[in-house]
Amino acid sequence: MKQVLIVDDSKDIIDVIKEELMEKNVKIFTTSNGKDAFEIVKKNEIDFVISDIRMPDGDGVELLKNINSLKEKKPKIILMTGFAEISKDEALKNGCYAFLKKPLDWKELSNLADKLISE
């Protein structure tokens, strides 16, 4: 069973993404901040992360860089944002698997999740 981490400071966004993924037979972890997210990744075999870019204690690009610094198996990372200050190119340059704009296209997110689950 694949393991997924959802990171967003909005409980509503976490709940909607979680609901979307629950039917895909994955184990889901959630948190609202980058610090806890990094600890979850270090302590579990997370296959992919869906993270907001803007969070109170840092940002998703910082989380991406921290995860990429790990020597162990690294999860794929999908970053999402409702703000234009972070470009898709910058996110992809830093090793982001996919970059989504909010409001999320649920079909696109579902298709990405299906692809990552089947890998």
C-alpha atoms as a PDB file:
ATOM      1  CA  MET A   1       0.000   0.000   0.000  1.00  0.00           C
ATOM      2  CA  LYS A   2       1.357   3.400  -1.003  1.00  0.00           C
ATOM      3  CA  GLN A   3       1.754   6.071   1.651  1.00  0.00           C
ATOM      4  CA  VAL A   4       0.848   9.695   0.985  1.00  0.00           C
ATOM      5  CA  LEU A   5       1.476  12.859   2.980  1.00  0.00           C
ATOM      6  CA  ILE A   6      -0.805  15.887   2.552  1.00  0.00           C
ATOM      7  CA  VAL A   7       0.571  19.207   3.834  1.00  0.00           C
ATOM      8  CA  ASP A   8      -1.553  22.341   3.950  1.00  0.00           C
ATOM      9  CA  ASP A   9      -2.357  24.937   6.587  1.00  0.00           C
ATOM     10  CA  SER A  10      -6.027  24.737   5.564  1.00  0.00           C
ATOM     11  CA  LYS A  11      -7.882  21.837   7.199  1.00  0.00           C
ATOM     12  CA  ASP A  12     -10.570  22.149   4.518  1.00  0.00           C
ATOM     13  CA  ILE A  13      -8.032  21.580   1.715  1.00  0.00           C
ATOM     14  CA  ILE A  14      -6.533  18.614   3.587  1.00  0.00           C
ATOM     15  CA  ASP A  15      -9.997  17.097   4.087  1.00  0.00           C
ATOM     16  CA  VAL A  16     -10.957  17.448   0.416  1.00  0.00           C
ATOM     17  CA  ILE A  17      -7.671  15.964  -0.853  1.00  0.00           C
ATOM     18  CA  LYS A  18      -7.884  13.186   1.737  1.00  0.00           C
ATOM     19  CA  GLU A  19     -11.424  12.368   0.607  1.00  0.00           C
ATOM     20  CA  GLU A  20     -10.249  12.278  -3.021  1.00  0.00           C
ATOM     21  CA  LEU A  21      -7.401   9.867  -2.165  1.00  0.00           C
ATOM     22  CA  MET A  22      -9.226   7.577   0.280  1.00  0.00           C
ATOM     23  CA  GLU A  23     -10.843   5.617  -2.546  1.00  0.00           C
ATOM     24  CA  LYS A  24      -7.402   4.888  -4.009  1.00  0.00           C
ATOM     25  CA  ASN A  25      -6.371   2.436  -1.263  1.00  0.00           C
ATOM     26  CA  VAL A  26      -3.478   4.494   0.146  1.00  0.00           C
ATOM     27  CA  LYS A  27      -2.377   5.222   3.698  1.00  0.00           C
ATOM     28  CA  ILE A  28      -2.723   8.950   4.300  1.00  0.00           C
ATOM     29  CA  PHE A  29      -0.738  11.146   6.660  1.00  0.00           C
ATOM     30  CA  THR A  30      -1.630  14.819   7.134  1.00  0.00           C
ATOM     31  CA  THR A  31      -0.078  17.865   8.750  1.00  0.00           C
ATOM     32  CA  SER A  32      -0.429  21.612   8.573  1.00  0.00           C
ATOM     33  CA  ASN A  33       3.249  22.601   8.574  1.00  0.00           C
ATOM     34  CA  GLY A  34       6.590  21.901   6.942  1.00  0.00           C
ATOM     35  CA  LYS A  35       8.468  20.986  10.114  1.00  0.00           C
ATOM     36  CA  ASP A  36       6.065  18.183  10.995  1.00  0.00           C
ATOM     37  CA  ALA A  37       5.920  17.109   7.349  1.00  0.00           C
ATOM     38  CA  PHE A  38       9.693  16.649   7.221  1.00  0.00           C
ATOM     39  CA  GLU A  39       9.577  14.536  10.408  1.00  0.00           C
ATOM     40  CA  ILE A  40       6.806  12.364   8.951  1.00  0.00           C
ATOM     41  CA  VAL A  41       8.854  11.804   5.783  1.00  0.00           C
ATOM     42  CA  LYS A  42      11.941  10.885   7.834  1.00  0.00           C
ATOM     43  CA  LYS A  43      10.039   8.385   9.998  1.00  0.00           C
ATOM     44  CA  ASN A  44       7.833   6.720   7.357  1.00  0.00           C
ATOM     45  CA  GLU A  45       8.108   5.258   3.878  1.00  0.00           C
ATOM     46  CA  ILE A  46       6.174   8.065   2.194  1.00  0.00           C
ATOM     47  CA  ASP A  47       5.739   7.483  -1.546  1.00  0.00           C
ATOM     48  CA  PHE A  48       4.519  10.955  -2.440  1.00  0.00           C
ATOM     49  CA  VAL A  49       3.778  14.302  -0.848  1.00  0.00           C
ATOM     50  CA  ILE A  50       1.104  16.814  -1.833  1.00  0.00           C
ATOM     51  CA  SER A  51       2.097  20.135  -0.276  1.00  0.00           C
ATOM     52  CA  ASP A  52       0.957  23.713  -0.327  1.00  0.00           C
ATOM     53  CA  ILE A  53       3.731  26.204  -1.014  1.00  0.00           C
ATOM     54  CA  ARG A  54       2.662  28.857   1.503  1.00  0.00           C
ATOM     55  CA  MET A  55       2.613  27.748   5.134  1.00  0.00           C
ATOM     56  CA  PRO A  56       3.031  29.657   8.402  1.00  0.00           C
ATOM     57  CA  ASP A  57       6.357  28.041   9.349  1.00  0.00           C
ATOM     58  CA  GLY A  58       8.064  27.973   5.950  1.00  0.00           C
ATOM     59  CA  ASP A  59       7.116  26.990   2.485  1.00  0.00           C
ATOM     60  CA  GLY A  60       6.699  23.982   0.254  1.00  0.00           C
ATOM     61  CA  VAL A  61       9.869  24.720  -1.725  1.00  0.00           C
ATOM     62  CA  GLU A  62      11.843  24.665   1.542  1.00  0.00           C
ATOM     63  CA  LEU A  63      10.179  21.346   2.412  1.00  0.00           C
ATOM     64  CA  LEU A  64      11.041  20.065  -1.079  1.00  0.00           C
ATOM     65  CA  LYS A  65      14.705  20.994  -0.590  1.00  0.00           C
ATOM     66  CA  ASN A  66      14.797  19.370   2.865  1.00  0.00           C
ATOM     67  CA  ILE A  67      13.294  16.155   1.547  1.00  0.00           C
ATOM     68  CA  ASN A  68      15.703  16.134  -1.405  1.00  0.00           C
ATOM     69  CA  SER A  69      18.609  16.393   1.060  1.00  0.00           C
ATOM     70  CA  LEU A  70      17.711  13.016   2.555  1.00  0.00           C
ATOM     71  CA  LYS A  71      19.948  10.110   1.627  1.00  0.00           C
ATOM     72  CA  GLU A  72      17.180   7.506   1.876  1.00  0.00           C
ATOM     73  CA  LYS A  73      14.348   6.904  -0.551  1.00  0.00           C
ATOM     74  CA  LYS A  74      12.815  10.234  -1.465  1.00  0.00           C
ATOM     75  CA  PRO A  75       9.101  10.648  -2.130  1.00  0.00           C
ATOM     76  CA  LYS A  76       7.843  12.410  -5.217  1.00  0.00           C
ATOM     77  CA  ILE A  77       6.489  15.864  -4.405  1.00  0.00           C
ATOM     78  CA  ILE A  78       3.482  17.666  -5.849  1.00  0.00           C
ATOM     79  CA  LEU A  79       3.418  21.359  -4.933  1.00  0.00           C
ATOM     80  CA  MET A  80       0.285  23.459  -5.104  1.00  0.00           C
ATOM     81  CA  THR A  81      -0.297  27.183  -4.723  1.00  0.00           C
ATOM     82  CA  GLY A  82      -2.888  29.858  -5.127  1.00  0.00           C
ATOM     83  CA  PHE A  83      -0.208  32.535  -5.467  1.00  0.00           C
ATOM     84  CA  ALA A  84       1.805  33.531  -8.509  1.00  0.00           C
ATOM     85  CA  GLU A  85       5.039  34.470  -6.732  1.00  0.00           C
ATOM     86  CA  ILE A  86       6.418  30.958  -7.086  1.00  0.00           C
ATOM     87  CA  SER A  87       6.786  29.974 -10.694  1.00  0.00           C
ATOM     88  CA  LYS A  88       6.270  26.491 -12.006  1.00  0.00           C
ATOM     89  CA  ASP A  89       9.802  26.578 -13.464  1.00  0.00           C
ATOM     90  CA  GLU A  90      11.317  27.358 -10.056  1.00  0.00           C
ATOM     91  CA  ALA A  91       9.403  24.524  -8.417  1.00  0.00           C
ATOM     92  CA  LEU A  92      10.356  22.030 -11.128  1.00  0.00           C
ATOM     93  CA  LYS A  93      13.990  23.181 -11.038  1.00  0.00           C
ATOM     94  CA  ASN A  94      14.068  22.256  -7.354  1.00  0.00           C
ATOM     95  CA  GLY A  95      12.913  18.696  -8.038  1.00  0.00           C
ATOM     96  CA  CYS A  96       9.149  19.044  -7.854  1.00  0.00           C
ATOM     97  CA  TYR A  97       7.328  16.168  -9.581  1.00  0.00           C
ATOM     98  CA  ALA A  98       4.313  18.306 -10.473  1.00  0.00           C
ATOM     99  CA  PHE A  99       3.034  21.814  -9.818  1.00  0.00           C
ATOM    100  CA  LEU A 100      -0.654  22.595  -9.407  1.00  0.00           C
ATOM    101  CA  LYS A 101      -2.441  25.936  -9.155  1.00  0.00           C
ATOM    102  CA  LYS A 102      -5.288  26.508  -6.728  1.00  0.00           C
ATOM    103  CA  PRO A 103      -8.162  26.218  -7.023  1.00  0.00           C
ATOM    104  CA  LEU A 104      -7.179  22.646  -7.715  1.00  0.00           C
ATOM    105  CA  ASP A 105      -8.295  20.735 -10.762  1.00  0.00           C
ATOM    106  CA  TRP A 106      -9.448  17.590  -8.958  1.00  0.00           C
ATOM    107  CA  LYS A 107      -9.281  15.457 -12.085  1.00  0.00           C
ATOM    108  CA  GLU A 108      -5.651  16.499 -12.652  1.00  0.00           C
ATOM    109  CA  LEU A 109      -4.769  15.730  -9.028  1.00  0.00           C
ATOM    110  CA  SER A 110      -6.561  12.386  -9.221  1.00  0.00           C
ATOM    111  CA  ASN A 111      -4.721  11.462 -12.436  1.00  0.00           C
ATOM    112  CA  LEU A 112      -1.343  12.399 -10.879  1.00  0.00           C
ATOM    113  CA  ALA A 113      -2.142  10.334  -7.795  1.00  0.00           C
ATOM    114  CA  ASP A 114      -3.152   7.340  -9.948  1.00  0.00           C
ATOM    115  CA  LYS A 115       0.133   7.595 -11.854  1.00  0.00           C
ATOM    116  CA  LEU A 116       2.209   7.759  -8.659  1.00  0.00           C
ATOM    117  CA  ILE A 117       0.271   4.930  -7.021  1.00  0.00           C
ATOM    118  CA  SER A 118       0.858   2.659 -10.019  1.00  0.00           C
ATOM    119  CA  GLU A 119       4.636   3.263 -10.063  1.00  0.00           C
END
